[in-house]
Amino acid sequence: MKPDIHPNYRPVVFQDQSSGDNIIVGSTIETSETITVDGVEYPLAKVELTSRSHPFFTGQMKIVDTAGRVERFERRYGSRRKKQAAPEAEAETTADES
């Protein structure tokens, strides 16, 4: 193997933001934060969901809306839905008048 071309592989703590669980896994991710677990300091990577909190793995449904995903979807596509519904409504009113 060539020296100095491989990333630094080391134990990293991945912290689940929705449940607060810490998972120590080997990784090459670069982080700026650290955390001390059991007297050992590890790099810290914060994540929104892990297998410990994801509804598919836990069997519990909960709504996780990070950064307003629903609102962002409505802003992008909500006006299209309203525009498509308007011509259909006009066609129904003209058909009723006849």
PDB file of N, CA and C in Angstrom:
ATOM      1  N   MET A   1       0.828  -1.180   0.000  1.00  0.00           N
ATOM      2  CA  MET A   1       0.000   0.000   0.000  1.00  0.00           C
ATOM      3  C   MET A   1       0.874   1.245   0.000  1.00  0.00           C
ATOM      4  N   LYS A   2       0.416   2.254  -0.688  1.00  0.00           N
ATOM      5  CA  LYS A   2       1.146   3.519  -0.721  1.00  0.00           C
ATOM      6  C   LYS A   2       0.921   4.284   0.585  1.00  0.00           C
ATOM      7  N   PRO A   3       1.960   4.902   1.109  1.00  0.00           N
ATOM      8  CA  PRO A   3       1.786   5.666   2.347  1.00  0.00           C
ATOM      9  C   PRO A   3       1.107   7.015   2.074  1.00  0.00           C
ATOM     10  N   ASP A   4       0.376   7.498   3.073  1.00  0.00           N
ATOM     11  CA  ASP A   4      -0.231   8.837   3.082  1.00  0.00           C
ATOM     12  C   ASP A   4      -1.305   9.083   2.028  1.00  0.00           C
ATOM     13  N   ILE A   5      -1.930   8.036   1.493  1.00  0.00           N
ATOM     14  CA  ILE A   5      -3.025   8.270   0.547  1.00  0.00           C
ATOM     15  C   ILE A   5      -4.370   7.801   1.104  1.00  0.00           C
ATOM     16  N   HIS A   6      -4.336   7.053   2.206  1.00  0.00           N
ATOM     17  CA  HIS A   6      -5.564   6.505   2.759  1.00  0.00           C
ATOM     18  C   HIS A   6      -6.108   7.422   3.848  1.00  0.00           C
ATOM     19  N   PRO A   7      -7.440   7.532   3.966  1.00  0.00           N
ATOM     20  CA  PRO A   7      -8.022   8.366   5.021  1.00  0.00           C
ATOM     21  C   PRO A   7      -7.783   7.736   6.398  1.00  0.00           C
ATOM     22  N   ASN A   8      -7.893   8.549   7.416  1.00  0.00           N
ATOM     23  CA  ASN A   8      -7.677   8.105   8.786  1.00  0.00           C
ATOM     24  C   ASN A   8      -8.905   7.334   9.268  1.00  0.00           C
ATOM     25  N   TYR A   9      -8.769   6.022   9.434  1.00  0.00           N
ATOM     26  CA  TYR A   9      -9.857   5.171   9.912  1.00  0.00           C
ATOM     27  C   TYR A   9      -9.730   5.036  11.421  1.00  0.00           C
ATOM     28  N   ARG A  10     -10.786   5.430  12.144  1.00  0.00           N
ATOM     29  CA  ARG A  10     -10.738   5.428  13.595  1.00  0.00           C
ATOM     30  C   ARG A  10     -12.141   5.277  14.153  1.00  0.00           C
ATOM     31  N   PRO A  11     -12.262   4.959  15.463  1.00  0.00           N
ATOM     32  CA  PRO A  11     -13.597   4.897  16.067  1.00  0.00           C
ATOM     33  C   PRO A  11     -14.203   6.302  16.151  1.00  0.00           C
ATOM     34  N   VAL A  12     -15.481   6.420  15.790  1.00  0.00           N
ATOM     35  CA  VAL A  12     -16.210   7.690  15.810  1.00  0.00           C
ATOM     36  C   VAL A  12     -17.546   7.449  16.497  1.00  0.00           C
ATOM     37  N   VAL A  13     -17.998   8.424  17.296  1.00  0.00           N
ATOM     38  CA  VAL A  13     -19.307   8.336  17.938  1.00  0.00           C
ATOM     39  C   VAL A  13     -20.330   9.006  17.033  1.00  0.00           C
ATOM     40  N   PHE A  14     -21.347   8.255  16.622  1.00  0.00           N
ATOM     41  CA  PHE A  14     -22.477   8.798  15.878  1.00  0.00           C
ATOM     42  C   PHE A  14     -23.605   8.991  16.883  1.00  0.00           C
ATOM     43  N   GLN A  15     -24.047  10.239  17.055  1.00  0.00           N
ATOM     44  CA  GLN A  15     -25.073  10.557  18.036  1.00  0.00           C
ATOM     45  C   GLN A  15     -26.410  10.761  17.336  1.00  0.00           C
ATOM     46  N   ASP A  16     -27.391   9.953  17.716  1.00  0.00           N
ATOM     47  CA  ASP A  16     -28.742  10.043  17.161  1.00  0.00           C
ATOM     48  C   ASP A  16     -29.432  11.240  17.795  1.00  0.00           C
ATOM     49  N   GLN A  17     -29.790  12.246  16.996  1.00  0.00           N
ATOM     50  CA  GLN A  17     -30.390  13.473  17.520  1.00  0.00           C
ATOM     51  C   GLN A  17     -31.818  13.281  17.998  1.00  0.00           C
ATOM     52  N   SER A  18     -32.540  12.298  17.472  1.00  0.00           N
ATOM     53  CA  SER A  18     -33.930  12.115  17.879  1.00  0.00           C
ATOM     54  C   SER A  18     -34.058  11.291  19.152  1.00  0.00           C
ATOM     55  N   SER A  19     -33.114  10.387  19.435  1.00  0.00           N
ATOM     56  CA  SER A  19     -33.219   9.578  20.647  1.00  0.00           C
ATOM     57  C   SER A  19     -32.103   9.852  21.645  1.00  0.00           C
ATOM     58  N   GLY A  20     -31.007  10.464  21.190  1.00  0.00           N
ATOM     59  CA  GLY A  20     -29.897  10.768  22.083  1.00  0.00           C
ATOM     60  C   GLY A  20     -28.923   9.620  22.261  1.00  0.00           C
ATOM     61  N   ASP A  21     -29.117   8.507  21.564  1.00  0.00           N
ATOM     62  CA  ASP A  21     -28.220   7.364  21.676  1.00  0.00           C
ATOM     63  C   ASP A  21     -26.877   7.658  21.026  1.00  0.00           C
ATOM     64  N   ASN A  22     -25.822   7.069  21.587  1.00  0.00           N
ATOM     65  CA  ASN A  22     -24.479   7.174  21.008  1.00  0.00           C
ATOM     66  C   ASN A  22     -24.064   5.811  20.491  1.00  0.00           C
ATOM     67  N   ILE A  23     -23.561   5.765  19.264  1.00  0.00           N
ATOM     68  CA  ILE A  23     -23.115   4.527  18.649  1.00  0.00           C
ATOM     69  C   ILE A  23     -21.659   4.720  18.231  1.00  0.00           C
ATOM     70  N   ILE A  24     -20.776   3.853  18.713  1.00  0.00           N
ATOM     71  CA  ILE A  24     -19.362   3.944  18.365  1.00  0.00           C
ATOM     72  C   ILE A  24     -19.088   2.980  17.220  1.00  0.00           C
ATOM     73  N   VAL A  25     -18.623   3.545  16.089  1.00  0.00           N
ATOM     74  CA  VAL A  25     -18.398   2.775  14.877  1.00  0.00           C
ATOM     75  C   VAL A  25     -17.089   3.248  14.251  1.00  0.00           C
ATOM     76  N   GLY A  26     -16.380   2.370  13.589  1.00  0.00           N
ATOM     77  CA  GLY A  26     -15.185   2.761  12.856  1.00  0.00           C
ATOM     78  C   GLY A  26     -15.579   3.528  11.607  1.00  0.00           C
ATOM     79  N   SER A  27     -14.917   4.667  11.366  1.00  0.00           N
ATOM     80  CA  SER A  27     -15.280   5.502  10.228  1.00  0.00           C
ATOM     81  C   SER A  27     -14.102   6.386   9.820  1.00  0.00           C
ATOM     82  N   THR A  28     -14.199   6.934   8.617  1.00  0.00           N
ATOM     83  CA  THR A  28     -13.207   7.895   8.123  1.00  0.00           C
ATOM     84  C   THR A  28     -13.767   9.302   8.061  1.00  0.00           C
ATOM     85  N   ILE A  29     -14.966   9.528   8.599  1.00  0.00           N
ATOM     86  CA  ILE A  29     -15.622  10.831   8.530  1.00  0.00           C
ATOM     87  C   ILE A  29     -14.783  11.881   9.274  1.00  0.00           C
ATOM     88  N   GLU A  30     -14.736  13.080   8.721  1.00  0.00           N
ATOM     89  CA  GLU A  30     -14.030  14.193   9.348  1.00  0.00           C
ATOM     90  C   GLU A  30     -15.031  14.998  10.172  1.00  0.00           C
ATOM     91  N   THR A  31     -14.732  15.221  11.446  1.00  0.00           N
ATOM     92  CA  THR A  31     -15.616  15.984  12.323  1.00  0.00           C
ATOM     93  C   THR A  31     -14.816  17.047  13.064  1.00  0.00           C
ATOM     94  N   SER A  32     -15.517  18.077  13.504  1.00  0.00           N
ATOM     95  CA  SER A  32     -14.860  19.132  14.274  1.00  0.00           C
ATOM     96  C   SER A  32     -15.189  19.032  15.761  1.00  0.00           C
ATOM     97  N   GLU A  33     -16.203  18.243  16.122  1.00  0.00           N
ATOM     98  CA  GLU A  33     -16.602  18.099  17.508  1.00  0.00           C
ATOM     99  C   GLU A  33     -16.075  16.796  18.081  1.00  0.00           C
ATOM    100  N   THR A  34     -15.904  16.760  19.406  1.00  0.00           N
ATOM    101  CA  THR A  34     -15.491  15.541  20.095  1.00  0.00           C
ATOM    102  C   THR A  34     -16.416  15.310  21.278  1.00  0.00           C
ATOM    103  N   ILE A  35     -16.429  14.068  21.765  1.00  0.00           N
ATOM    104  CA  ILE A  35     -17.233  13.691  22.920  1.00  0.00           C
ATOM    105  C   ILE A  35     -16.444  12.653  23.716  1.00  0.00           C
ATOM    106  N   THR A  36     -16.620  12.671  25.025  1.00  0.00           N
ATOM    107  CA  THR A  36     -15.955  11.695  25.882  1.00  0.00           C
ATOM    108  C   THR A  36     -16.971  10.635  26.289  1.00  0.00           C
ATOM    109  N   VAL A  37     -16.668   9.377  25.979  1.00  0.00           N
ATOM    110  CA  VAL A  37     -17.520   8.245  26.330  1.00  0.00           C
ATOM    111  C   VAL A  37     -16.667   7.251  27.102  1.00  0.00           C
ATOM    112  N   ASP A  38     -17.079   6.928  28.309  1.00  0.00           N
ATOM    113  CA  ASP A  38     -16.357   5.985  29.173  1.00  0.00           C
ATOM    114  C   ASP A  38     -14.893   6.390  29.362  1.00  0.00           C
ATOM    115  N   GLY A  39     -14.632   7.686  29.481  1.00  0.00           N
ATOM    116  CA  GLY A  39     -13.288   8.180  29.731  1.00  0.00           C
ATOM    117  C   GLY A  39     -12.397   8.279  28.508  1.00  0.00           C
ATOM    118  N   VAL A  40     -12.934   7.973  27.328  1.00  0.00           N
ATOM    119  CA  VAL A  40     -12.161   8.044  26.084  1.00  0.00           C
ATOM    120  C   VAL A  40     -12.769   9.121  25.199  1.00  0.00           C
ATOM    121  N   GLU A  41     -11.931   9.965  24.611  1.00  0.00           N
ATOM    122  CA  GLU A  41     -12.423  11.036  23.740  1.00  0.00           C
ATOM    123  C   GLU A  41     -12.487  10.542  22.298  1.00  0.00           C
ATOM    124  N   TYR A  42     -13.665  10.727  21.681  1.00  0.00           N
ATOM    125  CA  TYR A  42     -13.905  10.291  20.306  1.00  0.00           C
ATOM    126  C   TYR A  42     -14.368  11.476  19.469  1.00  0.00           C
ATOM    127  N   PRO A  43     -14.141  11.435  18.146  1.00  0.00           N
ATOM    128  CA  PRO A  43     -14.780  12.423  17.264  1.00  0.00           C
ATOM    129  C   PRO A  43     -16.288  12.195  17.287  1.00  0.00           C
ATOM    130  N   LEU A  44     -17.070  13.276  17.150  1.00  0.00           N
ATOM    131  CA  LEU A  44     -18.528  13.192  17.234  1.00  0.00           C
ATOM    132  C   LEU A  44     -19.168  13.579  15.912  1.00  0.00           C
ATOM    133  N   ALA A  45     -20.059  12.725  15.419  1.00  0.00           N
ATOM    134  CA  ALA A  45     -20.854  13.015  14.222  1.00  0.00           C
ATOM    135  C   ALA A  45     -22.324  12.934  14.629  1.00  0.00           C
ATOM    136  N   LYS A  46     -23.062  14.024  14.424  1.00  0.00           N
ATOM    137  CA  LYS A  46     -24.480  14.057  14.779  1.00  0.00           C
ATOM    138  C   LYS A  46     -25.318  13.700  13.561  1.00  0.00           C
ATOM    139  N   VAL A  47     -26.263  12.766  13.740  1.00  0.00           N
ATOM    140  CA  VAL A  47     -27.136  12.326  12.654  1.00  0.00           C
ATOM    141  C   VAL A  47     -28.589  12.420  13.106  1.00  0.00           C
ATOM    142  N   GLU A  48     -29.502  12.627  12.147  1.00  0.00           N
ATOM    143  CA  GLU A  48     -30.927  12.775  12.459  1.00  0.00           C
ATOM    144  C   GLU A  48     -31.573  11.450  12.847  1.00  0.00           C
ATOM    145  N   LEU A  49     -31.337  10.404  12.076  1.00  0.00           N
ATOM    146  CA  LEU A  49     -31.959   9.103  12.313  1.00  0.00           C
ATOM    147  C   LEU A  49     -30.924   8.002  12.240  1.00  0.00           C
ATOM    148  N   THR A  50     -31.112   6.988  13.073  1.00  0.00           N
ATOM    149  CA  THR A  50     -30.302   5.772  12.998  1.00  0.00           C
ATOM    150  C   THR A  50     -31.258   4.586  13.074  1.00  0.00           C
ATOM    151  N   SER A  51     -30.710   3.384  13.047  1.00  0.00           N
ATOM    152  CA  SER A  51     -31.562   2.203  13.152  1.00  0.00           C
ATOM    153  C   SER A  51     -32.231   2.112  14.517  1.00  0.00           C
ATOM    154  N   ARG A  52     -31.711   2.822  15.500  1.00  0.00           N
ATOM    155  CA  ARG A  52     -32.311   2.808  16.841  1.00  0.00           C
ATOM    156  C   ARG A  52     -33.543   3.703  16.943  1.00  0.00           C
ATOM    157  N   SER A  53     -33.704   4.643  15.997  1.00  0.00           N
ATOM    158  CA  SER A  53     -34.860   5.536  16.080  1.00  0.00           C
ATOM    159  C   SER A  53     -35.723   5.540  14.825  1.00  0.00           C
ATOM    160  N   HIS A  54     -35.312   4.870  13.762  1.00  0.00           N
ATOM    161  CA  HIS A  54     -36.077   4.862  12.516  1.00  0.00           C
ATOM    162  C   HIS A  54     -37.343   4.013  12.688  1.00  0.00           C
ATOM    163  N   PRO A  55     -38.495   4.516  12.237  1.00  0.00           N
ATOM    164  CA  PRO A  55     -39.761   3.788  12.418  1.00  0.00           C
ATOM    165  C   PRO A  55     -39.760   2.380  11.818  1.00  0.00           C
ATOM    166  N   PHE A  56     -39.032   2.148  10.750  1.00  0.00           N
ATOM    167  CA  PHE A  56     -38.998   0.827  10.132  1.00  0.00           C
ATOM    168  C   PHE A  56     -38.389  -0.192  11.090  1.00  0.00           C
ATOM    169  N   PHE A  57     -37.351   0.193  11.814  1.00  0.00           N
ATOM    170  CA  PHE A  57     -36.665  -0.733  12.706  1.00  0.00           C
ATOM    171  C   PHE A  57     -37.304  -0.804  14.088  1.00  0.00           C
ATOM    172  N   THR A  58     -37.916   0.273  14.557  1.00  0.00           N
ATOM    173  CA  THR A  58     -38.496   0.285  15.902  1.00  0.00           C
ATOM    174  C   THR A  58     -39.936  -0.184  15.922  1.00  0.00           C
ATOM    175  N   GLY A  59     -40.638  -0.096  14.790  1.00  0.00           N
ATOM    176  CA  GLY A  59     -42.039  -0.486  14.743  1.00  0.00           C
ATOM    177  C   GLY A  59     -42.971   0.588  15.266  1.00  0.00           C
ATOM    178  N   GLN A  60     -42.441   1.759  15.591  1.00  0.00           N
ATOM    179  CA  GLN A  60     -43.258   2.862  16.092  1.00  0.00           C
ATOM    180  C   GLN A  60     -43.271   3.963  15.057  1.00  0.00           C
ATOM    181  N   MET A  61     -44.458   4.421  14.704  1.00  0.00           N
ATOM    182  CA  MET A  61     -44.565   5.512  13.753  1.00  0.00           C
ATOM    183  C   MET A  61     -44.452   6.835  14.477  1.00  0.00           C
ATOM    184  N   LYS A  62     -43.571   7.685  14.017  1.00  0.00           N
ATOM    185  CA  LYS A  62     -43.499   9.045  14.521  1.00  0.00           C
ATOM    186  C   LYS A  62     -43.106   9.928  13.361  1.00  0.00           C
ATOM    187  N   ILE A  63     -43.588  11.140  13.390  1.00  0.00           N
ATOM    188  CA  ILE A  63     -43.334  12.064  12.297  1.00  0.00           C
ATOM    189  C   ILE A  63     -42.061  12.838  12.602  1.00  0.00           C
ATOM    190  N   VAL A  64     -41.109  12.781  11.681  1.00  0.00           N
ATOM    191  CA  VAL A  64     -39.869  13.526  11.823  1.00  0.00           C
ATOM    192  C   VAL A  64     -39.837  14.521  10.684  1.00  0.00           C
ATOM    193  N   ASP A  65     -40.003  15.781  11.013  1.00  0.00           N
ATOM    194  CA  ASP A  65     -40.022  16.830  10.003  1.00  0.00           C
ATOM    195  C   ASP A  65     -38.794  17.701  10.198  1.00  0.00           C
ATOM    196  N   THR A  66     -37.728  17.361   9.495  1.00  0.00           N
ATOM    197  CA  THR A  66     -36.497  18.124   9.644  1.00  0.00           C
ATOM    198  C   THR A  66     -36.480  19.238   8.619  1.00  0.00           C
ATOM    199  N   ALA A  67     -36.338  20.432   9.110  1.00  0.00           N
ATOM    200  CA  ALA A  67     -36.204  21.632   8.281  1.00  0.00           C
ATOM    201  C   ALA A  67     -37.430  21.876   7.404  1.00  0.00           C
ATOM    202  N   GLY A  68     -38.624  21.530   7.896  1.00  0.00           N
ATOM    203  CA  GLY A  68     -39.860  21.859   7.194  1.00  0.00           C
ATOM    204  C   GLY A  68     -40.015  21.188   5.847  1.00  0.00           C
ATOM    205  N   ARG A  69     -39.790  19.893   5.774  1.00  0.00           N
ATOM    206  CA  ARG A  69     -39.885  19.192   4.492  1.00  0.00           C
ATOM    207  C   ARG A  69     -41.276  19.295   3.886  1.00  0.00           C
ATOM    208  N   VAL A  70     -42.298  19.210   4.730  1.00  0.00           N
ATOM    209  CA  VAL A  70     -43.670  19.279   4.227  1.00  0.00           C
ATOM    210  C   VAL A  70     -43.941  20.661   3.642  1.00  0.00           C
ATOM    211  N   GLU A  71     -43.531  21.701   4.374  1.00  0.00           N
ATOM    212  CA  GLU A  71     -43.753  23.064   3.891  1.00  0.00           C
ATOM    213  C   GLU A  71     -42.991  23.313   2.593  1.00  0.00           C
ATOM    214  N   ARG A  72     -41.776  22.808   2.511  1.00  0.00           N
ATOM    215  CA  ARG A  72     -40.977  22.984   1.298  1.00  0.00           C
ATOM    216  C   ARG A  72     -41.639  22.271   0.118  1.00  0.00           C
ATOM    217  N   PHE A  73     -42.194  21.082   0.357  1.00  0.00           N
ATOM    218  CA  PHE A  73     -42.895  20.350  -0.697  1.00  0.00           C
ATOM    219  C   PHE A  73     -44.124  21.130  -1.145  1.00  0.00           C
ATOM    220  N   GLU A  74     -44.888  21.666  -0.189  1.00  0.00           N
ATOM    221  CA  GLU A  74     -46.080  22.442  -0.538  1.00  0.00           C
ATOM    222  C   GLU A  74     -45.727  23.697  -1.328  1.00  0.00           C
ATOM    223  N   ARG A  75     -44.639  24.349  -0.980  1.00  0.00           N
ATOM    224  CA  ARG A  75     -44.227  25.540  -1.728  1.00  0.00           C
ATOM    225  C   ARG A  75     -43.882  25.179  -3.169  1.00  0.00           C
ATOM    226  N   ARG A  76     -43.211  24.035  -3.350  1.00  0.00           N
ATOM    227  CA  ARG A  76     -42.803  23.638  -4.699  1.00  0.00           C
ATOM    228  C   ARG A  76     -43.963  23.136  -5.547  1.00  0.00           C
ATOM    229  N   TYR A  77     -44.768  22.256  -4.962  1.00  0.00           N
ATOM    230  CA  TYR A  77     -45.766  21.546  -5.760  1.00  0.00           C
ATOM    231  C   TYR A  77     -47.207  21.875  -5.399  1.00  0.00           C
ATOM    232  N   GLY A  78     -47.439  22.590  -4.330  1.00  0.00           N
ATOM    233  CA  GLY A  78     -48.805  22.909  -3.911  1.00  0.00           C
ATOM    234  C   GLY A  78     -49.528  23.790  -4.898  1.00  0.00           C
ATOM    235  N   SER A  79     -48.824  24.761  -5.494  1.00  0.00           N
ATOM    236  CA  SER A  79     -49.467  25.654  -6.460  1.00  0.00           C
ATOM    237  C   SER A  79     -49.862  24.898  -7.725  1.00  0.00           C
ATOM    238  N   ARG A  80     -49.104  23.897  -8.096  1.00  0.00           N
ATOM    239  CA  ARG A  80     -49.455  23.096  -9.277  1.00  0.00           C
ATOM    240  C   ARG A  80     -50.749  22.345  -9.041  1.00  0.00           C
ATOM    241  N   ARG A  81     -50.902  21.816  -7.854  1.00  0.00           N
ATOM    242  CA  ARG A  81     -52.103  21.055  -7.526  1.00  0.00           C
ATOM    243  C   ARG A  81     -53.326  21.973  -7.552  1.00  0.00           C
ATOM    244  N   LYS A  82     -53.182  23.185  -7.039  1.00  0.00           N
ATOM    245  CA  LYS A  82     -54.296  24.141  -7.025  1.00  0.00           C
ATOM    246  C   LYS A  82     -54.663  24.573  -8.440  1.00  0.00           C
ATOM    247  N   LYS A  83     -53.661  24.788  -9.301  1.00  0.00           N
ATOM    248  CA  LYS A  83     -53.919  25.197 -10.678  1.00  0.00           C
ATOM    249  C   LYS A  83     -54.624  24.088 -11.459  1.00  0.00           C
ATOM    250  N   GLN A  84     -54.268  22.837 -11.198  1.00  0.00           N
ATOM    251  CA  GLN A  84     -54.908  21.725 -11.899  1.00  0.00           C
ATOM    252  C   GLN A  84     -56.338  21.536 -11.418  1.00  0.00           C
ATOM    253  N   ALA A  85     -56.601  21.802 -10.161  1.00  0.00           N
ATOM    254  CA  ALA A  85     -57.941  21.626  -9.608  1.00  0.00           C
ATOM    255  C   ALA A  85     -58.879  22.727 -10.106  1.00  0.00           C
ATOM    256  N   ALA A  86     -58.374  23.915 -10.356  1.00  0.00           N
ATOM    257  CA  ALA A  86     -59.207  25.036 -10.781  1.00  0.00           C
ATOM    258  C   ALA A  86     -59.882  24.792 -12.131  1.00  0.00           C
ATOM    259  N   PRO A  87     -59.193  24.340 -13.197  1.00  0.00           N
ATOM    260  CA  PRO A  87     -59.881  24.086 -14.461  1.00  0.00           C
ATOM    261  C   PRO A  87     -60.942  22.990 -14.354  1.00  0.00           C
ATOM    262  N   GLU A  88     -60.700  21.994 -13.520  1.00  0.00           N
ATOM    263  CA  GLU A  88     -61.692  20.935 -13.344  1.00  0.00           C
ATOM    264  C   GLU A  88     -62.940  21.487 -12.679  1.00  0.00           C
ATOM    265  N   ALA A  89     -62.761  22.372 -11.712  1.00  0.00           N
ATOM    266  CA  ALA A  89     -63.904  22.966 -11.018  1.00  0.00           C
ATOM    267  C   ALA A  89     -64.702  23.850 -11.970  1.00  0.00           C
ATOM    268  N   GLU A  90     -64.031  24.579 -12.834  1.00  0.00           N
ATOM    269  CA  GLU A  90     -64.722  25.433 -13.812  1.00  0.00           C
ATOM    270  C   GLU A  90     -65.510  24.590 -14.798  1.00  0.00           C
ATOM    271  N   ALA A  91     -64.949  23.454 -15.221  1.00  0.00           N
ATOM    272  CA  ALA A  91     -65.635  22.577 -16.163  1.00  0.00           C
ATOM    273  C   ALA A  91     -66.902  22.006 -15.528  1.00  0.00           C
ATOM    274  N   GLU A  92     -66.855  21.694 -14.228  1.00  0.00           N
ATOM    275  CA  GLU A  92     -68.032  21.164 -13.548  1.00  0.00           C
ATOM    276  C   GLU A  92     -69.125  22.211 -13.431  1.00  0.00           C
ATOM    277  N   THR A  93     -68.752  23.464 -13.148  1.00  0.00           N
ATOM    278  CA  THR A  93     -69.764  24.521 -13.003  1.00  0.00           C
ATOM    279  C   THR A  93     -70.417  24.827 -14.333  1.00  0.00           C
ATOM    280  N   THR A  94     -69.684  24.816 -15.442  1.00  0.00           N
ATOM    281  CA  THR A  94     -70.276  25.091 -16.757  1.00  0.00           C
ATOM    282  C   THR A  94     -71.164  23.932 -17.170  1.00  0.00           C
ATOM    283  N   ALA A  95     -70.833  22.722 -16.809  1.00  0.00           N
ATOM    284  CA  ALA A  95     -71.651  21.551 -17.148  1.00  0.00           C
ATOM    285  C   ALA A  95     -72.952  21.574 -16.351  1.00  0.00           C
ATOM    286  N   ASP A  96     -72.893  22.054 -15.104  1.00  0.00           N
ATOM    287  CA  ASP A  96     -74.090  22.142 -14.275  1.00  0.00           C
ATOM    288  C   ASP A  96     -75.041  23.222 -14.782  1.00  0.00           C
ATOM    289  N   GLU A  97     -74.535  24.301 -15.364  1.00  0.00           N
ATOM    290  CA  GLU A  97     -75.339  25.399 -15.854  1.00  0.00           C
ATOM    291  C   GLU A  97     -76.109  25.032 -17.116  1.00  0.00           C
ATOM    292  N   SER A  98     -75.605  24.056 -17.861  1.00  0.00           N
ATOM    293  CA  SER A  98     -76.246  23.693 -19.136  1.00  0.00           C
ATOM    294  C   SER A  98     -77.497  22.909 -18.961  1.00  0.00           C
TER     295      SER A  98
END
